[in-house]
Amino acid sequence: MPLPSSSAPRTRLHVRRASYEGYQRSDGRLEIDAHLSDVKDHDYALLTGVREAGQPVHDMWCRVTLGRDLVIEAIEVHVDRMPYPAACDRIEPAYERLVGANLLRGFRKTLFDVLGGVEGCTHVTELLANLPTAAVQMQAGLRGELDGSGAGDKPFQLDRCHALETSTETVARYYPQWRRSTEPVQD
């Protein structure tokens, strides 16, 4: 259900769009193409010139190549539009320092430790911060919740969000063999 109408008249000023597209390559690797754009609905004066309404202030791309273990094997960053041409885009190669990082093991901390603040581009770093959830969704399509793959193994999605925490009624209903009791152990 979408949000209800606003309680007051309003005028849209800005649109930020971030998208993530997941791919399986013919060599068995996975790739995620991520894209971020910021667009104003009015002419926007920058020190570097005016961006006309509808023209991106930011238009940034990342391609991350992953192994099945979700370890980054390669990363490409490309900045098409930026507030400070020939400055913002100079940081693109720095993101190669993420090669070897695992998206499911401390990735966000690593990302912000290595490329936070002046070490990276705020917008590219924010875009990459959502890679773990994009990768999980991409892999969910490969794992098949209903096809019986991985029988006997704890389902990947359990204990990764509040609804699927193993002591919940949701887990009791859909994954009863993995339900963990919250009752205190009796001696």
N, C-alpha and C. Protein backbone atom coordinates (compact mmCIF):
# COMPACT_ATOMS: atom_id res chain seq x y z
N MET A 1 0.84 -1.17 0.00
CA MET A 1 0.00 0.00 0.00
C MET A 1 0.90 1.24 0.00
N PRO A 2 0.65 2.15 -0.92
CA PRO A 2 1.44 3.38 -0.92
C PRO A 2 1.10 4.27 0.27
N LEU A 3 1.94 5.25 0.49
CA LEU A 3 1.68 6.20 1.57
C LEU A 3 0.41 6.98 1.26
N PRO A 4 -0.31 7.42 2.29
CA PRO A 4 -1.48 8.26 2.04
C PRO A 4 -1.03 9.63 1.51
N SER A 5 -1.96 10.35 0.94
CA SER A 5 -1.65 11.71 0.48
C SER A 5 -1.17 12.54 1.65
N SER A 6 -0.30 13.49 1.35
CA SER A 6 0.22 14.37 2.38
C SER A 6 -0.91 15.20 2.97
N SER A 7 -0.79 15.57 4.22
CA SER A 7 -1.82 16.37 4.88
C SER A 7 -1.76 17.84 4.49
N ALA A 8 -0.72 18.22 3.74
CA ALA A 8 -0.59 19.62 3.31
C ALA A 8 -0.13 19.64 1.84
N PRO A 9 -0.54 20.65 1.10
CA PRO A 9 -0.05 20.77 -0.28
C PRO A 9 1.47 20.89 -0.27
N ARG A 10 2.11 20.34 -1.29
CA ARG A 10 3.56 20.36 -1.33
C ARG A 10 4.05 20.35 -2.76
N THR A 11 5.31 20.74 -2.93
CA THR A 11 5.97 20.78 -4.23
C THR A 11 7.22 19.92 -4.15
N ARG A 12 7.33 18.96 -5.06
CA ARG A 12 8.52 18.11 -5.07
C ARG A 12 9.73 18.94 -5.47
N LEU A 13 10.85 18.71 -4.79
CA LEU A 13 12.09 19.44 -5.04
C LEU A 13 13.20 18.58 -5.62
N HIS A 14 13.21 17.30 -5.24
CA HIS A 14 14.38 16.47 -5.50
C HIS A 14 13.97 15.01 -5.61
N VAL A 15 14.67 14.28 -6.48
CA VAL A 15 14.47 12.83 -6.59
C VAL A 15 15.84 12.15 -6.55
N ARG A 16 16.00 11.25 -5.61
CA ARG A 16 17.18 10.38 -5.59
C ARG A 16 16.70 8.98 -5.94
N ARG A 17 17.38 8.39 -6.89
CA ARG A 17 17.06 7.02 -7.27
C ARG A 17 18.32 6.18 -7.13
N ALA A 18 18.15 5.03 -6.51
CA ALA A 18 19.23 4.06 -6.41
C ALA A 18 18.66 2.73 -6.88
N SER A 19 19.37 2.07 -7.78
CA SER A 19 18.91 0.78 -8.26
C SER A 19 20.07 -0.21 -8.24
N TYR A 20 19.69 -1.48 -8.13
CA TYR A 20 20.66 -2.57 -8.07
C TYR A 20 20.12 -3.68 -8.98
N GLU A 21 20.92 -4.09 -9.94
CA GLU A 21 20.53 -5.18 -10.83
C GLU A 21 21.55 -6.30 -10.68
N GLY A 22 21.04 -7.49 -10.38
CA GLY A 22 21.91 -8.64 -10.16
C GLY A 22 21.94 -9.56 -11.36
N TYR A 23 23.12 -10.06 -11.67
CA TYR A 23 23.32 -10.92 -12.84
C TYR A 23 24.13 -12.14 -12.47
N GLN A 24 23.86 -13.24 -13.15
CA GLN A 24 24.72 -14.42 -13.08
C GLN A 24 25.49 -14.47 -14.39
N ARG A 25 26.81 -14.52 -14.28
CA ARG A 25 27.65 -14.56 -15.48
C ARG A 25 27.82 -15.99 -15.97
N SER A 26 28.22 -16.12 -17.23
CA SER A 26 28.41 -17.44 -17.82
C SER A 26 29.56 -18.20 -17.15
N ASP A 27 30.48 -17.50 -16.49
CA ASP A 27 31.59 -18.17 -15.81
C ASP A 27 31.26 -18.55 -14.37
N GLY A 28 29.98 -18.36 -13.97
CA GLY A 28 29.55 -18.74 -12.63
C GLY A 28 29.62 -17.62 -11.60
N ARG A 29 30.30 -16.55 -11.93
CA ARG A 29 30.38 -15.42 -11.01
C ARG A 29 29.07 -14.64 -11.04
N LEU A 30 28.92 -13.78 -10.06
CA LEU A 30 27.76 -12.90 -9.96
C LEU A 30 28.21 -11.47 -10.13
N GLU A 31 27.32 -10.64 -10.66
CA GLU A 31 27.60 -9.22 -10.76
C GLU A 31 26.39 -8.43 -10.33
N ILE A 32 26.67 -7.30 -9.68
CA ILE A 32 25.63 -6.34 -9.35
C ILE A 32 26.03 -5.02 -9.97
N ASP A 33 25.14 -4.48 -10.78
CA ASP A 33 25.30 -3.13 -11.31
C ASP A 33 24.44 -2.21 -10.46
N ALA A 34 25.06 -1.23 -9.85
CA ALA A 34 24.35 -0.28 -9.00
C ALA A 34 24.41 1.11 -9.64
N HIS A 35 23.34 1.87 -9.48
CA HIS A 35 23.25 3.19 -10.10
C HIS A 35 22.58 4.15 -9.13
N LEU A 36 23.13 5.34 -9.01
CA LEU A 36 22.55 6.39 -8.17
C LEU A 36 22.43 7.66 -9.00
N SER A 37 21.27 8.30 -8.91
CA SER A 37 21.11 9.62 -9.55
C SER A 37 20.36 10.54 -8.61
N ASP A 38 20.74 11.80 -8.64
CA ASP A 38 20.06 12.87 -7.92
C ASP A 38 19.63 13.90 -8.96
N VAL A 39 18.34 14.22 -8.97
CA VAL A 39 17.79 15.17 -9.95
C VAL A 39 16.92 16.17 -9.21
N LYS A 40 17.08 17.44 -9.55
CA LYS A 40 16.25 18.51 -9.00
C LYS A 40 15.11 18.82 -9.98
N ASP A 41 13.99 19.26 -9.44
CA ASP A 41 12.84 19.65 -10.26
C ASP A 41 12.87 21.13 -10.60
N HIS A 42 13.95 21.79 -10.28
CA HIS A 42 14.10 23.21 -10.57
C HIS A 42 15.56 23.44 -10.99
N ASP A 43 15.82 24.54 -11.66
CA ASP A 43 17.20 24.87 -12.00
C ASP A 43 17.98 25.01 -10.69
N TYR A 44 19.19 24.48 -10.70
CA TYR A 44 19.98 24.41 -9.48
C TYR A 44 21.35 25.02 -9.74
N ALA A 45 21.63 26.12 -9.07
CA ALA A 45 22.90 26.83 -9.27
C ALA A 45 23.99 26.21 -8.41
N LEU A 46 25.05 25.79 -9.08
CA LEU A 46 26.25 25.30 -8.42
C LEU A 46 27.38 26.26 -8.75
N LEU A 47 28.44 26.22 -8.00
CA LEU A 47 29.59 27.05 -8.32
C LEU A 47 30.17 26.70 -9.69
N THR A 48 29.94 25.48 -10.12
CA THR A 48 30.45 25.01 -11.41
C THR A 48 29.47 25.23 -12.56
N GLY A 49 28.33 25.85 -12.27
CA GLY A 49 27.34 26.12 -13.31
C GLY A 49 25.95 25.69 -12.88
N VAL A 50 24.97 26.06 -13.67
CA VAL A 50 23.58 25.75 -13.36
C VAL A 50 23.22 24.39 -13.94
N ARG A 51 22.62 23.55 -13.12
CA ARG A 51 22.03 22.31 -13.60
C ARG A 51 20.56 22.61 -13.85
N GLU A 52 20.14 22.42 -15.08
CA GLU A 52 18.75 22.67 -15.41
C GLU A 52 17.86 21.62 -14.77
N ALA A 53 16.63 22.00 -14.48
CA ALA A 53 15.66 21.07 -13.91
C ALA A 53 15.64 19.79 -14.73
N GLY A 54 15.67 18.65 -14.04
CA GLY A 54 15.63 17.36 -14.71
C GLY A 54 16.99 16.81 -15.10
N GLN A 55 18.04 17.61 -15.01
CA GLN A 55 19.39 17.14 -15.32
C GLN A 55 20.06 16.64 -14.05
N PRO A 56 20.69 15.48 -14.08
CA PRO A 56 21.29 14.94 -12.86
C PRO A 56 22.40 15.83 -12.28
N VAL A 57 22.36 15.95 -10.98
CA VAL A 57 23.48 16.55 -10.25
C VAL A 57 24.51 15.45 -10.00
N HIS A 58 24.01 14.27 -9.66
CA HIS A 58 24.85 13.08 -9.49
C HIS A 58 24.32 12.00 -10.42
N ASP A 59 25.22 11.30 -11.06
CA ASP A 59 24.87 10.14 -11.89
C ASP A 59 26.06 9.21 -11.81
N MET A 60 25.94 8.17 -10.97
CA MET A 60 27.09 7.35 -10.59
C MET A 60 26.76 5.87 -10.74
N TRP A 61 27.74 5.12 -11.17
CA TRP A 61 27.58 3.70 -11.47
C TRP A 61 28.66 2.88 -10.78
N CYS A 62 28.28 1.68 -10.35
CA CYS A 62 29.24 0.72 -9.79
C CYS A 62 28.89 -0.66 -10.34
N ARG A 63 29.91 -1.41 -10.70
CA ARG A 63 29.74 -2.83 -11.05
C ARG A 63 30.65 -3.61 -10.12
N VAL A 64 30.04 -4.56 -9.42
CA VAL A 64 30.79 -5.39 -8.47
C VAL A 64 30.68 -6.83 -8.94
N THR A 65 31.83 -7.48 -9.12
CA THR A 65 31.89 -8.88 -9.50
C THR A 65 32.18 -9.69 -8.25
N LEU A 66 31.37 -10.73 -8.04
CA LEU A 66 31.42 -11.53 -6.81
C LEU A 66 31.57 -13.01 -7.12
N GLY A 67 32.22 -13.72 -6.21
CA GLY A 67 32.18 -15.17 -6.24
C GLY A 67 30.88 -15.62 -5.58
N ARG A 68 30.59 -16.89 -5.64
CA ARG A 68 29.38 -17.42 -5.00
C ARG A 68 29.40 -17.21 -3.49
N ASP A 69 30.59 -17.02 -2.92
CA ASP A 69 30.74 -16.76 -1.49
C ASP A 69 30.51 -15.29 -1.15
N LEU A 70 30.16 -14.48 -2.15
CA LEU A 70 29.89 -13.05 -2.01
C LEU A 70 31.12 -12.24 -1.59
N VAL A 71 32.28 -12.73 -1.99
CA VAL A 71 33.52 -11.98 -1.82
C VAL A 71 33.74 -11.18 -3.10
N ILE A 72 34.07 -9.91 -2.94
CA ILE A 72 34.28 -9.03 -4.09
C ILE A 72 35.58 -9.44 -4.81
N GLU A 73 35.45 -9.75 -6.09
CA GLU A 73 36.59 -10.11 -6.93
C GLU A 73 37.05 -8.94 -7.80
N ALA A 74 36.12 -8.06 -8.14
CA ALA A 74 36.46 -6.89 -8.96
C ALA A 74 35.39 -5.83 -8.72
N ILE A 75 35.79 -4.57 -8.90
CA ILE A 75 34.84 -3.48 -8.75
C ILE A 75 35.22 -2.37 -9.72
N GLU A 76 34.22 -1.82 -10.36
CA GLU A 76 34.40 -0.67 -11.25
C GLU A 76 33.45 0.42 -10.79
N VAL A 77 33.94 1.64 -10.75
CA VAL A 77 33.12 2.80 -10.40
C VAL A 77 33.27 3.81 -11.52
N HIS A 78 32.14 4.37 -11.93
CA HIS A 78 32.17 5.40 -12.96
C HIS A 78 31.20 6.51 -12.58
N VAL A 79 31.71 7.73 -12.56
CA VAL A 79 30.92 8.91 -12.22
C VAL A 79 30.68 9.70 -13.50
N ASP A 80 29.42 9.69 -13.98
CA ASP A 80 29.07 10.43 -15.20
C ASP A 80 28.79 11.90 -14.94
N ARG A 81 27.99 12.17 -13.91
CA ARG A 81 27.63 13.55 -13.57
C ARG A 81 27.97 13.79 -12.12
N MET A 82 28.50 14.98 -11.83
CA MET A 82 28.95 15.30 -10.49
C MET A 82 28.96 16.81 -10.33
N PRO A 83 28.89 17.31 -9.11
CA PRO A 83 28.91 18.76 -8.91
C PRO A 83 30.26 19.39 -9.27
N TYR A 84 31.35 18.66 -9.12
CA TYR A 84 32.69 19.21 -9.33
C TYR A 84 33.43 18.36 -10.35
N PRO A 85 33.21 18.62 -11.65
CA PRO A 85 33.87 17.83 -12.70
C PRO A 85 35.39 17.84 -12.54
N ALA A 86 35.98 16.73 -12.90
CA ALA A 86 37.43 16.52 -12.82
C ALA A 86 37.93 16.56 -11.38
N ALA A 87 37.03 16.40 -10.43
CA ALA A 87 37.41 16.31 -9.02
C ALA A 87 36.72 15.09 -8.41
N CYS A 88 35.39 15.09 -8.42
CA CYS A 88 34.63 13.98 -7.82
C CYS A 88 35.03 12.64 -8.43
N ASP A 89 35.22 12.61 -9.73
CA ASP A 89 35.48 11.36 -10.42
C ASP A 89 36.89 10.82 -10.22
N ARG A 90 37.78 11.60 -9.66
CA ARG A 90 39.15 11.12 -9.44
C ARG A 90 39.22 10.01 -8.40
N ILE A 91 38.17 9.84 -7.62
CA ILE A 91 38.19 8.83 -6.55
C ILE A 91 37.83 7.43 -7.07
N GLU A 92 37.39 7.32 -8.29
CA GLU A 92 36.92 6.03 -8.82
C GLU A 92 37.87 4.86 -8.52
N PRO A 93 39.17 4.97 -8.79
CA PRO A 93 40.07 3.82 -8.57
C PRO A 93 40.20 3.41 -7.10
N ALA A 94 39.93 4.30 -6.17
CA ALA A 94 40.07 3.98 -4.75
C ALA A 94 39.17 2.82 -4.33
N TYR A 95 38.07 2.64 -5.01
CA TYR A 95 37.12 1.60 -4.63
C TYR A 95 37.64 0.20 -4.89
N GLU A 96 38.72 0.07 -5.66
CA GLU A 96 39.35 -1.23 -5.87
C GLU A 96 39.89 -1.80 -4.56
N ARG A 97 40.03 -0.94 -3.55
CA ARG A 97 40.50 -1.42 -2.24
C ARG A 97 39.48 -2.34 -1.57
N LEU A 98 38.28 -2.42 -2.13
CA LEU A 98 37.26 -3.32 -1.58
C LEU A 98 37.38 -4.75 -2.09
N VAL A 99 38.26 -4.98 -3.07
CA VAL A 99 38.46 -6.34 -3.56
C VAL A 99 38.92 -7.21 -2.39
N GLY A 100 38.25 -8.34 -2.22
CA GLY A 100 38.54 -9.25 -1.11
C GLY A 100 37.56 -9.13 0.04
N ALA A 101 36.76 -8.05 0.06
CA ALA A 101 35.77 -7.88 1.14
C ALA A 101 34.58 -8.82 0.90
N ASN A 102 34.05 -9.37 1.97
CA ASN A 102 32.89 -10.25 1.91
C ASN A 102 31.65 -9.43 2.24
N LEU A 103 30.64 -9.49 1.37
CA LEU A 103 29.44 -8.68 1.58
C LEU A 103 28.66 -9.07 2.83
N LEU A 104 28.86 -10.29 3.33
CA LEU A 104 28.09 -10.75 4.49
C LEU A 104 28.88 -10.77 5.79
N ARG A 105 30.13 -10.38 5.75
CA ARG A 105 30.96 -10.43 6.95
C ARG A 105 31.62 -9.07 7.18
N GLY A 106 30.89 -8.18 7.81
CA GLY A 106 31.45 -6.89 8.19
C GLY A 106 31.66 -5.92 7.04
N PHE A 107 30.92 -6.11 5.94
CA PHE A 107 31.16 -5.28 4.77
C PHE A 107 30.95 -3.80 5.03
N ARG A 108 29.85 -3.44 5.66
CA ARG A 108 29.58 -2.01 5.86
C ARG A 108 30.65 -1.35 6.72
N LYS A 109 31.10 -2.05 7.74
CA LYS A 109 32.18 -1.49 8.57
C LYS A 109 33.44 -1.33 7.74
N THR A 110 33.79 -2.34 6.98
CA THR A 110 34.97 -2.26 6.11
C THR A 110 34.82 -1.10 5.13
N LEU A 111 33.66 -1.00 4.50
CA LEU A 111 33.41 0.06 3.52
C LEU A 111 33.65 1.43 4.13
N PHE A 112 33.05 1.69 5.28
CA PHE A 112 33.18 3.02 5.88
C PHE A 112 34.56 3.24 6.50
N ASP A 113 35.21 2.18 6.98
CA ASP A 113 36.59 2.31 7.50
C ASP A 113 37.55 2.66 6.36
N VAL A 114 37.38 2.01 5.21
CA VAL A 114 38.32 2.17 4.10
C VAL A 114 37.98 3.38 3.22
N LEU A 115 36.67 3.65 3.01
CA LEU A 115 36.29 4.67 2.03
C LEU A 115 35.30 5.70 2.57
N GLY A 116 35.18 5.77 3.87
CA GLY A 116 34.31 6.78 4.46
C GLY A 116 34.97 8.15 4.47
N GLY A 117 34.17 9.18 4.64
CA GLY A 117 34.70 10.55 4.71
C GLY A 117 35.49 10.93 3.48
N VAL A 118 36.63 11.55 3.66
CA VAL A 118 37.43 12.06 2.55
C VAL A 118 38.17 10.96 1.79
N GLU A 119 38.10 9.72 2.28
CA GLU A 119 38.76 8.61 1.58
C GLU A 119 37.97 8.15 0.36
N GLY A 120 36.71 8.58 0.25
CA GLY A 120 35.87 8.15 -0.85
C GLY A 120 34.88 9.23 -1.23
N CYS A 121 33.94 8.87 -2.07
CA CYS A 121 32.84 9.75 -2.46
C CYS A 121 31.63 9.38 -1.61
N THR A 122 31.07 10.34 -0.92
CA THR A 122 29.93 10.08 -0.05
C THR A 122 28.83 9.32 -0.78
N HIS A 123 28.54 9.73 -2.01
CA HIS A 123 27.42 9.14 -2.75
C HIS A 123 27.72 7.72 -3.21
N VAL A 124 28.91 7.47 -3.71
CA VAL A 124 29.27 6.13 -4.14
C VAL A 124 29.33 5.20 -2.93
N THR A 125 29.89 5.68 -1.84
CA THR A 125 29.98 4.86 -0.63
C THR A 125 28.59 4.52 -0.11
N GLU A 126 27.68 5.47 -0.11
CA GLU A 126 26.30 5.19 0.31
C GLU A 126 25.64 4.17 -0.61
N LEU A 127 25.88 4.29 -1.91
CA LEU A 127 25.32 3.34 -2.87
C LEU A 127 25.83 1.93 -2.59
N LEU A 128 27.11 1.81 -2.33
CA LEU A 128 27.70 0.50 -2.06
C LEU A 128 27.26 -0.08 -0.72
N ALA A 129 26.86 0.76 0.20
CA ALA A 129 26.45 0.27 1.53
C ALA A 129 25.25 -0.68 1.44
N ASN A 130 24.47 -0.57 0.39
CA ASN A 130 23.30 -1.45 0.24
C ASN A 130 23.58 -2.70 -0.58
N LEU A 131 24.82 -2.91 -0.97
CA LEU A 131 25.16 -4.12 -1.73
C LEU A 131 24.81 -5.42 -1.00
N PRO A 132 25.06 -5.53 0.32
CA PRO A 132 24.74 -6.81 0.96
C PRO A 132 23.28 -7.23 0.79
N THR A 133 22.34 -6.31 0.99
CA THR A 133 20.94 -6.71 0.85
C THR A 133 20.59 -6.99 -0.60
N ALA A 134 21.18 -6.26 -1.53
CA ALA A 134 20.94 -6.55 -2.95
C ALA A 134 21.48 -7.94 -3.30
N ALA A 135 22.65 -8.29 -2.77
CA ALA A 135 23.24 -9.60 -3.03
C ALA A 135 22.41 -10.72 -2.43
N VAL A 136 21.89 -10.51 -1.23
CA VAL A 136 21.05 -11.53 -0.59
C VAL A 136 19.80 -11.76 -1.43
N GLN A 137 19.18 -10.68 -1.90
CA GLN A 137 17.99 -10.83 -2.74
C GLN A 137 18.33 -11.55 -4.05
N MET A 138 19.47 -11.22 -4.62
CA MET A 138 19.89 -11.88 -5.85
C MET A 138 20.10 -13.37 -5.61
N GLN A 139 20.77 -13.72 -4.54
CA GLN A 139 21.01 -15.13 -4.24
C GLN A 139 19.73 -15.86 -3.86
N ALA A 140 18.79 -15.14 -3.25
CA ALA A 140 17.52 -15.78 -2.89
C ALA A 140 16.85 -16.35 -4.13
N GLY A 141 16.97 -15.66 -5.23
CA GLY A 141 16.40 -16.16 -6.48
C GLY A 141 17.11 -17.39 -6.99
N LEU A 142 18.34 -17.61 -6.58
CA LEU A 142 19.09 -18.79 -7.00
C LEU A 142 18.89 -19.96 -6.05
N ARG A 143 18.65 -19.67 -4.79
CA ARG A 143 18.56 -20.72 -3.77
C ARG A 143 17.23 -21.45 -3.80
N GLY A 144 16.14 -20.78 -4.11
CA GLY A 144 14.85 -21.43 -4.19
C GLY A 144 14.30 -21.85 -2.85
N GLU A 145 13.49 -21.01 -2.24
CA GLU A 145 12.93 -21.29 -0.92
C GLU A 145 12.08 -22.56 -0.92
N LEU A 146 11.43 -22.85 -2.02
CA LEU A 146 10.48 -23.96 -2.04
C LEU A 146 10.99 -25.20 -2.76
N ASP A 147 12.15 -25.16 -3.38
CA ASP A 147 12.58 -26.29 -4.21
C ASP A 147 13.31 -27.38 -3.45
N GLY A 148 13.47 -27.24 -2.14
CA GLY A 148 14.10 -28.27 -1.33
C GLY A 148 15.61 -28.27 -1.39
N SER A 149 16.20 -27.29 -2.08
CA SER A 149 17.66 -27.26 -2.15
C SER A 149 18.23 -26.97 -0.77
N GLY A 150 19.32 -27.59 -0.46
CA GLY A 150 19.96 -27.40 0.83
C GLY A 150 19.19 -28.06 1.97
N ALA A 151 18.44 -29.12 1.67
CA ALA A 151 17.65 -29.80 2.70
C ALA A 151 18.55 -30.18 3.87
N GLY A 152 18.10 -29.88 5.06
CA GLY A 152 18.85 -30.18 6.26
C GLY A 152 19.70 -29.01 6.75
N ASP A 153 19.95 -28.05 5.88
CA ASP A 153 20.70 -26.87 6.26
C ASP A 153 19.74 -25.78 6.72
N LYS A 154 20.14 -25.02 7.72
CA LYS A 154 19.32 -23.90 8.18
C LYS A 154 19.10 -22.95 7.01
N PRO A 155 17.86 -22.58 6.71
CA PRO A 155 17.60 -21.64 5.61
C PRO A 155 18.36 -20.33 5.80
N PHE A 156 18.93 -19.88 4.72
CA PHE A 156 19.79 -18.70 4.71
C PHE A 156 19.13 -17.48 5.34
N GLN A 157 17.85 -17.29 5.11
CA GLN A 157 17.17 -16.07 5.51
C GLN A 157 16.84 -16.01 7.01
N LEU A 158 16.94 -17.13 7.72
CA LEU A 158 16.59 -17.12 9.14
C LEU A 158 17.64 -16.36 9.95
N ASP A 159 17.15 -15.61 10.94
CA ASP A 159 17.95 -14.79 11.84
C ASP A 159 18.65 -13.62 11.12
N ARG A 160 18.05 -13.15 10.03
CA ARG A 160 18.60 -11.99 9.32
C ARG A 160 17.67 -10.79 9.37
N CYS A 161 16.47 -10.95 9.95
CA CYS A 161 15.56 -9.82 10.15
C CYS A 161 14.59 -10.18 11.28
N HIS A 162 13.86 -9.19 11.77
CA HIS A 162 12.99 -9.41 12.93
C HIS A 162 11.89 -10.44 12.66
N ALA A 163 11.35 -10.46 11.45
CA ALA A 163 10.25 -11.39 11.15
C ALA A 163 10.72 -12.83 11.12
N LEU A 164 11.98 -13.04 10.76
CA LEU A 164 12.49 -14.40 10.62
C LEU A 164 13.52 -14.76 11.69
N GLU A 165 13.45 -14.06 12.82
CA GLU A 165 14.26 -14.43 13.98
C GLU A 165 13.69 -15.75 14.49
N THR A 166 14.53 -16.70 14.80
CA THR A 166 14.08 -18.07 15.02
C THR A 166 13.19 -18.30 16.24
N SER A 167 12.95 -17.28 17.04
CA SER A 167 12.01 -17.46 18.15
C SER A 167 10.62 -16.90 17.83
N THR A 168 10.40 -16.44 16.59
CA THR A 168 9.13 -15.82 16.24
C THR A 168 8.07 -16.82 15.82
N GLU A 169 6.83 -16.37 15.87
CA GLU A 169 5.71 -17.17 15.40
C GLU A 169 5.80 -17.40 13.90
N THR A 170 6.38 -16.47 13.16
CA THR A 170 6.54 -16.66 11.72
C THR A 170 7.40 -17.88 11.44
N VAL A 171 8.50 -18.02 12.17
CA VAL A 171 9.37 -19.18 11.99
C VAL A 171 8.62 -20.44 12.46
N ALA A 172 7.88 -20.36 13.55
CA ALA A 172 7.12 -21.51 14.02
C ALA A 172 6.14 -21.99 12.95
N ARG A 173 5.56 -21.06 12.22
CA ARG A 173 4.56 -21.41 11.20
C ARG A 173 5.18 -21.94 9.92
N TYR A 174 6.23 -21.28 9.43
CA TYR A 174 6.78 -21.62 8.12
C TYR A 174 8.03 -22.49 8.17
N TYR A 175 8.75 -22.45 9.29
CA TYR A 175 9.99 -23.22 9.44
C TYR A 175 9.99 -23.88 10.82
N PRO A 176 9.01 -24.70 11.13
CA PRO A 176 8.87 -25.21 12.51
C PRO A 176 10.10 -25.96 13.02
N GLN A 177 10.81 -26.64 12.15
CA GLN A 177 12.00 -27.39 12.59
C GLN A 177 13.12 -26.48 13.04
N TRP A 178 13.06 -25.20 12.69
CA TRP A 178 14.11 -24.26 13.07
C TRP A 178 13.67 -23.31 14.18
N ARG A 179 12.47 -23.49 14.70
CA ARG A 179 11.95 -22.63 15.77
C ARG A 179 12.77 -22.83 17.01
N ARG A 180 13.21 -21.74 17.60
CA ARG A 180 13.99 -21.76 18.85
C ARG A 180 13.08 -21.22 19.94
N SER A 181 12.94 -21.96 20.99
CA SER A 181 12.09 -21.55 22.11
C SER A 181 12.74 -20.42 22.89
N THR A 182 11.92 -19.53 23.39
CA THR A 182 12.43 -18.47 24.28
C THR A 182 12.13 -18.80 25.73
N GLU A 183 11.57 -19.99 25.95
CA GLU A 183 11.26 -20.42 27.32
C GLU A 183 12.57 -20.69 28.07
N PRO A 184 12.63 -20.29 29.33
CA PRO A 184 13.85 -20.59 30.11
C PRO A 184 14.00 -22.08 30.30
N VAL A 185 15.24 -22.53 30.29
CA VAL A 185 15.54 -23.95 30.47
C VAL A 185 15.29 -24.31 31.93
N GLN A 186 14.54 -25.39 32.15
CA GLN A 186 14.23 -25.86 33.51
C GLN A 186 15.32 -26.84 33.97
N ASP A 187 15.74 -26.68 35.22
CA ASP A 187 16.75 -27.62 35.77
C ASP A 187 16.09 -28.83 36.34
